[in-house]
Structures are given as structure tokens and as C-alpha cells.
Amino acid sequence: MRKHINLYVNEYTTDLGENGRQAINTLFQKAKDAGLIKGELPESVFY
């Protein structure tokens, strides 16, 4: 597990920044547009 953490967890994965947050929001919107998500999108998926 430590190898995985060292390989994949970095500053970008712990804080996506504004570009990363917008990318996730775009992904959710595309999924909704494609019918993969029913109902309303969450206001935020970030803590």
C-alpha cells in the first residue's frame, strides 16, 4: 500500500485546484447529459 501511496498521491491529488475542480464538474455534467446520472447534480463533491 505504501508503494501505491508514494506513486500516486502527490500535491495535485490532495488539492486539485480550480482547474481540477472544474474538470470534475465538467465530467459530472457530461455524465448527466449522457443519461448516466439521473436527477440533479450535487452542488459540490468537494469537502
Protein backbone atom coordinates (compact mmCIF):
# COMPACT_ATOMS: atom_id res chain seq x y z
CA MET A 1 0.00 0.00 0.00
CA ARG A 2 2.84 2.39 0.80
CA LYS A 3 4.23 1.93 -2.75
CA HIS A 4 0.83 2.88 -4.18
CA ILE A 5 0.63 5.96 -1.98
CA ASN A 6 4.16 7.03 -2.87
CA LEU A 7 3.48 6.50 -6.57
CA TYR A 8 0.05 8.13 -6.91
CA VAL A 9 -0.53 10.55 -4.03
CA ASN A 10 1.01 13.95 -4.56
CA GLU A 11 0.19 17.64 -4.16
CA TYR A 12 -2.18 17.50 -7.14
CA THR A 13 -4.21 14.60 -5.77
CA THR A 14 -4.57 16.18 -2.35
CA ASP A 15 -5.63 19.58 -3.79
CA LEU A 16 -6.90 19.63 -7.36
CA GLY A 17 -7.03 23.40 -7.52
CA GLU A 18 -9.59 25.32 -9.55
CA ASN A 19 -8.73 23.59 -12.84
CA GLY A 20 -9.16 20.17 -11.28
CA ARG A 21 -12.46 21.11 -9.64
CA GLN A 22 -13.77 22.45 -12.94
CA ALA A 23 -12.69 19.25 -14.71
CA ILE A 24 -14.65 17.13 -12.21
CA ASN A 25 -17.70 19.36 -12.58
CA THR A 26 -17.45 19.05 -16.38
CA LEU A 27 -17.20 15.27 -16.06
CA PHE A 28 -20.36 15.17 -13.93
CA GLN A 29 -22.22 17.38 -16.41
CA LYS A 30 -21.20 15.20 -19.36
CA ALA A 31 -22.33 12.10 -17.47
CA LYS A 32 -25.69 13.75 -16.76
CA ASP A 33 -26.06 14.84 -20.39
CA ALA A 34 -25.37 11.25 -21.48
CA GLY A 35 -28.07 9.96 -19.12
CA LEU A 36 -25.64 8.26 -16.76
CA ILE A 37 -26.72 10.39 -13.81
CA LYS A 38 -30.39 10.76 -13.01
CA GLY A 39 -31.81 13.73 -11.12
CA GLU A 40 -29.95 16.79 -10.01
CA LEU A 41 -26.19 17.04 -9.79
CA PRO A 42 -24.74 17.61 -6.32
CA GLU A 43 -23.86 21.20 -5.51
CA SER A 44 -20.36 20.09 -4.67
CA VAL A 45 -18.48 16.83 -4.38
CA PHE A 46 -15.58 18.53 -2.63
CA TYR A 47 -15.13 18.88 1.08
